[in-house]
């Protein structure tokens, strides 16, 4: 698969959940760890803005390299929310618990995808 196609896949992986943070924020609010300061909805919206911004920036060749690197960092940063989901869903159905546990190893291919896109992107020439 070409880097352009990988970038489009990465972009969709960021844009769709990013938009969902605004369309249906309540499930995302529930994943915000209680240990984070401030309003959970603010964290939901901030992460949605980050995902939408990075998803759009990955599409542009001039910003792709930086955006893909930041996307990898974002996927690492949301890992604690996925761990928190497991903690919160301890009393949920076996299906929901399986989903929560499955999200943890799924972060790895997301990080790898972002790093592949970053590596395949052309560095921005100095002065541009």
N, C-alpha and C. Protein backbone atom coordinates (compact mmCIF):
# COMPACT_ATOMS: atom_id res chain seq x y z
N UNK A 1 0.85 -1.17 0.00
CA UNK A 1 0.00 0.00 0.00
C UNK A 1 0.90 1.24 0.00
N UNK A 2 0.53 2.23 -0.79
CA UNK A 2 1.33 3.45 -0.88
C UNK A 2 1.20 4.27 0.40
N UNK A 3 2.16 5.15 0.59
CA UNK A 3 2.10 6.02 1.77
C UNK A 3 0.87 6.93 1.71
N UNK A 4 0.48 7.32 0.51
CA UNK A 4 -0.71 8.16 0.36
C UNK A 4 -1.95 7.42 0.87
N UNK A 5 -2.07 6.16 0.53
CA UNK A 5 -3.21 5.37 0.99
C UNK A 5 -3.15 5.14 2.50
N UNK A 6 -1.96 4.84 3.00
CA UNK A 6 -1.80 4.68 4.45
C UNK A 6 -2.19 5.97 5.18
N UNK A 7 -1.81 7.10 4.59
CA UNK A 7 -2.16 8.39 5.20
C UNK A 7 -3.67 8.59 5.23
N UNK A 8 -4.36 8.18 4.17
CA UNK A 8 -5.82 8.31 4.14
C UNK A 8 -6.47 7.41 5.20
N UNK A 9 -5.94 6.20 5.34
CA UNK A 9 -6.46 5.28 6.37
C UNK A 9 -6.25 5.88 7.76
N UNK A 10 -5.05 6.36 8.02
CA UNK A 10 -4.75 6.99 9.31
C UNK A 10 -5.66 8.19 9.54
N UNK A 11 -5.86 8.98 8.51
CA UNK A 11 -6.73 10.14 8.63
C UNK A 11 -8.14 9.75 9.05
N UNK A 12 -8.70 8.74 8.40
CA UNK A 12 -10.05 8.28 8.76
C UNK A 12 -10.11 7.74 10.18
N UNK A 13 -9.05 7.04 10.58
CA UNK A 13 -8.99 6.49 11.94
C UNK A 13 -8.99 7.62 12.97
N UNK A 14 -8.51 8.77 12.59
CA UNK A 14 -8.50 9.93 13.49
C UNK A 14 -9.78 10.77 13.34
N UNK A 15 -10.20 11.02 12.11
CA UNK A 15 -11.33 11.92 11.88
C UNK A 15 -12.66 11.37 12.38
N UNK A 16 -12.91 10.10 12.15
CA UNK A 16 -14.22 9.54 12.53
C UNK A 16 -14.41 9.56 14.05
N UNK A 17 -13.48 8.99 14.84
CA UNK A 17 -13.68 9.09 16.29
C UNK A 17 -13.63 10.54 16.78
N UNK A 18 -12.80 11.36 16.14
CA UNK A 18 -12.75 12.77 16.54
C UNK A 18 -14.10 13.44 16.42
N UNK A 19 -14.79 13.19 15.31
CA UNK A 19 -16.13 13.75 15.12
C UNK A 19 -17.12 13.16 16.12
N UNK A 20 -16.96 11.88 16.42
CA UNK A 20 -17.86 11.24 17.39
C UNK A 20 -17.71 11.85 18.79
N UNK A 21 -16.53 12.38 19.10
CA UNK A 21 -16.34 13.04 20.40
C UNK A 21 -17.33 14.21 20.57
N UNK A 22 -17.73 14.81 19.45
CA UNK A 22 -18.67 15.93 19.49
C UNK A 22 -20.10 15.48 19.26
N UNK A 23 -20.29 14.49 18.38
CA UNK A 23 -21.65 14.03 18.07
C UNK A 23 -22.27 13.26 19.23
N UNK A 24 -21.49 12.41 19.87
CA UNK A 24 -21.97 11.61 21.01
C UNK A 24 -20.88 11.60 22.10
N UNK A 25 -20.73 12.71 22.82
CA UNK A 25 -19.63 12.81 23.77
C UNK A 25 -19.76 11.98 25.05
N UNK A 26 -20.97 11.63 25.43
CA UNK A 26 -21.17 10.96 26.71
C UNK A 26 -20.34 9.69 26.90
N UNK A 27 -20.28 8.78 25.91
CA UNK A 27 -19.45 7.58 26.11
C UNK A 27 -17.97 7.92 26.29
N UNK A 28 -17.51 8.97 25.64
CA UNK A 28 -16.11 9.37 25.78
C UNK A 28 -15.86 9.99 27.15
N UNK A 29 -16.84 10.75 27.64
CA UNK A 29 -16.72 11.33 28.98
C UNK A 29 -16.49 10.24 30.02
N UNK A 30 -17.19 9.12 29.84
CA UNK A 30 -17.11 8.03 30.80
C UNK A 30 -15.73 7.38 30.84
N UNK A 31 -14.95 7.57 29.80
CA UNK A 31 -13.61 6.97 29.73
C UNK A 31 -12.52 7.85 30.32
N UNK A 32 -12.84 9.11 30.55
CA UNK A 32 -11.84 10.03 31.10
C UNK A 32 -11.55 9.63 32.54
N UNK A 33 -10.29 9.33 32.85
CA UNK A 33 -9.96 8.92 34.22
C UNK A 33 -10.32 10.02 35.23
N UNK A 34 -10.86 9.62 36.37
CA UNK A 34 -11.21 10.56 37.43
C UNK A 34 -9.98 11.34 37.92
N UNK A 35 -8.81 10.77 37.73
CA UNK A 35 -7.59 11.41 38.21
C UNK A 35 -7.22 12.65 37.40
N UNK A 36 -7.78 12.81 36.21
CA UNK A 36 -7.48 14.01 35.42
C UNK A 36 -8.26 15.19 35.97
N UNK A 37 -7.62 16.33 36.09
CA UNK A 37 -8.31 17.50 36.65
C UNK A 37 -9.31 18.09 35.66
N UNK A 38 -10.28 18.79 36.19
CA UNK A 38 -11.23 19.52 35.36
C UNK A 38 -12.41 18.69 34.90
N UNK A 39 -13.14 19.29 34.00
CA UNK A 39 -14.39 18.73 33.48
C UNK A 39 -14.11 17.63 32.46
N UNK A 40 -14.77 16.51 32.62
CA UNK A 40 -14.58 15.38 31.70
C UNK A 40 -14.96 15.76 30.27
N UNK A 41 -16.00 16.54 30.11
CA UNK A 41 -16.43 16.95 28.76
C UNK A 41 -15.34 17.79 28.09
N UNK A 42 -14.66 18.59 28.85
CA UNK A 42 -13.56 19.38 28.27
C UNK A 42 -12.46 18.47 27.73
N UNK A 43 -12.15 17.40 28.45
CA UNK A 43 -11.16 16.43 27.98
C UNK A 43 -11.66 15.71 26.73
N UNK A 44 -12.95 15.39 26.71
CA UNK A 44 -13.54 14.74 25.54
C UNK A 44 -13.41 15.64 24.32
N UNK A 45 -13.79 16.90 24.48
CA UNK A 45 -13.71 17.83 23.35
C UNK A 45 -12.26 18.09 22.94
N UNK A 46 -11.38 18.22 23.91
CA UNK A 46 -9.96 18.46 23.58
C UNK A 46 -9.37 17.30 22.79
N UNK A 47 -9.70 16.08 23.19
CA UNK A 47 -9.17 14.94 22.45
C UNK A 47 -9.83 14.85 21.07
N UNK A 48 -11.09 15.24 20.97
CA UNK A 48 -11.76 15.28 19.66
C UNK A 48 -11.11 16.29 18.73
N UNK A 49 -10.80 17.46 19.26
CA UNK A 49 -10.11 18.49 18.47
C UNK A 49 -8.75 17.98 18.01
N UNK A 50 -8.03 17.33 18.91
CA UNK A 50 -6.71 16.78 18.56
C UNK A 50 -6.84 15.76 17.44
N UNK A 51 -7.80 14.86 17.55
CA UNK A 51 -7.97 13.82 16.52
C UNK A 51 -8.38 14.42 15.19
N UNK A 52 -9.30 15.36 15.20
CA UNK A 52 -9.74 15.99 13.95
C UNK A 52 -8.59 16.80 13.33
N UNK A 53 -7.89 17.56 14.15
CA UNK A 53 -6.77 18.34 13.64
C UNK A 53 -5.68 17.48 13.04
N UNK A 54 -5.33 16.42 13.74
CA UNK A 54 -4.29 15.52 13.23
C UNK A 54 -4.78 14.76 12.00
N UNK A 55 -6.04 14.35 12.01
CA UNK A 55 -6.59 13.65 10.83
C UNK A 55 -6.55 14.52 9.59
N UNK A 56 -6.86 15.78 9.74
CA UNK A 56 -6.80 16.71 8.60
C UNK A 56 -5.34 16.98 8.20
N UNK A 57 -4.47 17.14 9.18
CA UNK A 57 -3.07 17.45 8.89
C UNK A 57 -2.34 16.28 8.23
N UNK A 58 -2.76 15.06 8.52
CA UNK A 58 -2.15 13.88 7.90
C UNK A 58 -2.46 13.86 6.40
N UNK A 59 -3.58 14.42 5.99
CA UNK A 59 -3.94 14.43 4.57
C UNK A 59 -3.07 15.37 3.75
N UNK A 60 -2.57 16.41 4.37
CA UNK A 60 -1.76 17.40 3.64
C UNK A 60 -0.30 16.96 3.60
N UNK A 61 0.27 16.79 2.41
CA UNK A 61 1.67 16.34 2.33
C UNK A 61 2.65 17.22 3.12
N UNK A 62 2.40 18.53 3.17
CA UNK A 62 3.33 19.43 3.88
C UNK A 62 3.34 19.21 5.38
N UNK A 63 2.23 18.76 5.94
CA UNK A 63 2.14 18.58 7.39
C UNK A 63 2.08 17.10 7.80
N UNK A 64 2.11 16.22 6.82
CA UNK A 64 1.91 14.79 7.08
C UNK A 64 2.94 14.22 8.05
N UNK A 65 4.21 14.51 7.83
CA UNK A 65 5.27 13.91 8.66
C UNK A 65 5.09 14.28 10.13
N UNK A 66 4.91 15.55 10.40
CA UNK A 66 4.73 16.00 11.79
C UNK A 66 3.43 15.47 12.37
N UNK A 67 2.35 15.54 11.60
CA UNK A 67 1.04 15.10 12.09
C UNK A 67 1.04 13.60 12.39
N UNK A 68 1.69 12.82 11.55
CA UNK A 68 1.72 11.37 11.79
C UNK A 68 2.52 11.06 13.06
N UNK A 69 3.62 11.77 13.28
CA UNK A 69 4.38 11.59 14.51
C UNK A 69 3.56 11.96 15.74
N UNK A 70 2.82 13.05 15.62
CA UNK A 70 1.96 13.47 16.74
C UNK A 70 0.79 12.49 16.93
N UNK A 71 0.31 11.89 15.84
CA UNK A 71 -0.75 10.89 15.96
C UNK A 71 -0.23 9.68 16.73
N UNK A 72 0.99 9.26 16.45
CA UNK A 72 1.57 8.14 17.21
C UNK A 72 1.63 8.50 18.69
N UNK A 73 2.04 9.72 18.99
CA UNK A 73 2.10 10.16 20.39
C UNK A 73 0.69 10.19 21.01
N UNK A 74 -0.29 10.61 20.24
CA UNK A 74 -1.67 10.63 20.74
C UNK A 74 -2.16 9.22 21.06
N UNK A 75 -1.84 8.27 20.19
CA UNK A 75 -2.26 6.89 20.44
C UNK A 75 -1.61 6.34 21.71
N UNK A 76 -0.41 6.76 21.98
CA UNK A 76 0.25 6.37 23.24
C UNK A 76 -0.44 7.06 24.41
N UNK A 77 -0.78 8.33 24.22
CA UNK A 77 -1.38 9.12 25.31
C UNK A 77 -2.77 8.63 25.71
N UNK A 78 -3.54 8.07 24.77
CA UNK A 78 -4.89 7.62 25.12
C UNK A 78 -4.88 6.22 25.74
N UNK A 79 -3.73 5.59 25.77
CA UNK A 79 -3.63 4.26 26.37
C UNK A 79 -4.19 4.22 27.80
N UNK A 80 -3.88 5.22 28.65
CA UNK A 80 -4.46 5.20 30.01
C UNK A 80 -5.99 5.22 30.02
N UNK A 81 -6.61 5.87 29.05
CA UNK A 81 -8.08 5.86 28.99
C UNK A 81 -8.58 4.46 28.67
N UNK A 82 -7.84 3.74 27.83
CA UNK A 82 -8.24 2.36 27.53
C UNK A 82 -8.07 1.46 28.75
N UNK A 83 -7.03 1.68 29.52
CA UNK A 83 -6.85 0.92 30.77
C UNK A 83 -7.98 1.29 31.74
N UNK A 84 -8.33 2.56 31.78
CA UNK A 84 -9.42 3.01 32.65
C UNK A 84 -10.74 2.34 32.27
N UNK A 85 -10.94 2.13 30.96
CA UNK A 85 -12.16 1.47 30.51
C UNK A 85 -12.26 0.07 31.12
N UNK A 86 -11.15 -0.64 31.16
CA UNK A 86 -11.14 -1.98 31.77
C UNK A 86 -11.53 -1.88 33.24
N UNK A 87 -10.95 -0.89 33.91
CA UNK A 87 -11.24 -0.69 35.33
C UNK A 87 -12.72 -0.38 35.57
N UNK A 88 -13.28 0.45 34.70
CA UNK A 88 -14.68 0.86 34.86
C UNK A 88 -15.66 -0.24 34.45
N UNK A 89 -15.27 -1.08 33.52
CA UNK A 89 -16.18 -2.10 33.00
C UNK A 89 -16.03 -3.44 33.68
N UNK A 90 -15.46 -3.47 34.87
CA UNK A 90 -15.24 -4.74 35.57
C UNK A 90 -16.55 -5.50 35.82
N UNK A 91 -17.65 -4.77 35.99
CA UNK A 91 -18.95 -5.40 36.27
C UNK A 91 -19.85 -5.49 35.03
N UNK A 92 -19.30 -5.19 33.87
CA UNK A 92 -20.09 -5.22 32.63
C UNK A 92 -20.18 -6.63 32.07
N UNK A 93 -20.90 -6.74 30.99
CA UNK A 93 -21.07 -8.04 30.33
C UNK A 93 -19.73 -8.56 29.81
N UNK A 94 -19.62 -9.87 29.60
CA UNK A 94 -18.39 -10.43 29.05
C UNK A 94 -18.01 -9.82 27.70
N UNK A 95 -19.02 -9.47 26.90
CA UNK A 95 -18.75 -8.87 25.59
C UNK A 95 -18.07 -7.51 25.76
N UNK A 96 -18.60 -6.67 26.64
CA UNK A 96 -18.01 -5.35 26.86
C UNK A 96 -16.62 -5.46 27.46
N UNK A 97 -16.44 -6.40 28.37
CA UNK A 97 -15.10 -6.60 28.95
C UNK A 97 -14.11 -7.04 27.88
N UNK A 98 -14.55 -7.89 26.97
CA UNK A 98 -13.69 -8.33 25.87
C UNK A 98 -13.30 -7.15 24.99
N UNK A 99 -14.26 -6.29 24.69
CA UNK A 99 -13.98 -5.09 23.89
C UNK A 99 -12.95 -4.22 24.60
N UNK A 100 -13.14 -4.02 25.88
CA UNK A 100 -12.21 -3.19 26.64
C UNK A 100 -10.79 -3.76 26.61
N UNK A 101 -10.66 -5.05 26.81
CA UNK A 101 -9.34 -5.69 26.78
C UNK A 101 -8.75 -5.67 25.38
N UNK A 102 -9.59 -5.83 24.36
CA UNK A 102 -9.10 -5.87 22.97
C UNK A 102 -8.54 -4.53 22.53
N UNK A 103 -9.02 -3.45 23.10
CA UNK A 103 -8.53 -2.13 22.72
C UNK A 103 -7.05 -1.95 23.06
N UNK A 104 -6.58 -2.59 24.10
CA UNK A 104 -5.19 -2.39 24.52
C UNK A 104 -4.20 -2.81 23.44
N UNK A 105 -4.24 -4.06 22.97
CA UNK A 105 -3.27 -4.43 21.93
C UNK A 105 -3.55 -3.76 20.59
N UNK A 106 -4.77 -3.26 20.36
CA UNK A 106 -5.06 -2.57 19.10
C UNK A 106 -4.34 -1.23 19.00
N UNK A 107 -3.87 -0.71 20.12
CA UNK A 107 -3.10 0.54 20.07
C UNK A 107 -1.79 0.33 19.31
N UNK A 108 -1.25 -0.88 19.40
CA UNK A 108 0.05 -1.14 18.76
C UNK A 108 -0.01 -0.95 17.25
N UNK A 109 -0.97 -1.57 16.52
CA UNK A 109 -1.01 -1.32 15.08
C UNK A 109 -1.32 0.13 14.72
N UNK A 110 -2.07 0.82 15.57
CA UNK A 110 -2.33 2.24 15.30
C UNK A 110 -1.04 3.04 15.39
N UNK A 111 -0.25 2.77 16.40
CA UNK A 111 1.04 3.46 16.56
C UNK A 111 1.95 3.12 15.38
N UNK A 112 2.00 1.84 15.01
CA UNK A 112 2.84 1.41 13.89
C UNK A 112 2.39 2.10 12.59
N UNK A 113 1.08 2.16 12.36
CA UNK A 113 0.56 2.82 11.17
C UNK A 113 1.00 4.29 11.13
N UNK A 114 0.84 4.98 12.23
CA UNK A 114 1.23 6.39 12.28
C UNK A 114 2.73 6.55 12.01
N UNK A 115 3.54 5.67 12.58
CA UNK A 115 4.99 5.76 12.35
C UNK A 115 5.36 5.41 10.91
N UNK A 116 4.64 4.48 10.29
CA UNK A 116 4.88 4.17 8.88
C UNK A 116 4.55 5.37 7.99
N UNK A 117 3.44 6.02 8.28
CA UNK A 117 3.07 7.21 7.51
C UNK A 117 4.12 8.30 7.71
N UNK A 118 4.57 8.48 8.93
CA UNK A 118 5.60 9.48 9.21
C UNK A 118 6.87 9.17 8.44
N UNK A 119 7.29 7.92 8.48
CA UNK A 119 8.53 7.53 7.81
C UNK A 119 8.41 7.71 6.29
N UNK A 120 7.24 7.42 5.73
CA UNK A 120 7.05 7.53 4.28
C UNK A 120 6.81 8.94 3.78
N UNK A 121 6.55 9.86 4.69
CA UNK A 121 6.30 11.25 4.29
C UNK A 121 7.61 11.95 4.01
N UNK A 122 7.58 12.85 3.04
CA UNK A 122 8.78 13.62 2.74
C UNK A 122 8.97 14.72 3.77
N UNK A 123 10.20 14.88 4.25
CA UNK A 123 10.46 15.99 5.17
C UNK A 123 10.19 17.32 4.46
N UNK A 124 9.70 18.28 5.21
CA UNK A 124 9.48 19.61 4.65
C UNK A 124 10.83 20.29 4.45
N UNK A 125 11.11 20.77 3.23
CA UNK A 125 12.39 21.44 3.00
C UNK A 125 12.54 22.68 3.87
N UNK A 126 13.76 22.95 4.27
CA UNK A 126 14.03 24.14 5.10
C UNK A 126 13.57 25.39 4.36
N UNK A 127 13.01 26.31 5.10
CA UNK A 127 12.62 27.59 4.53
C UNK A 127 11.21 27.61 3.97
N UNK A 128 10.53 26.49 3.97
CA UNK A 128 9.16 26.50 3.47
C UNK A 128 8.18 26.62 4.59
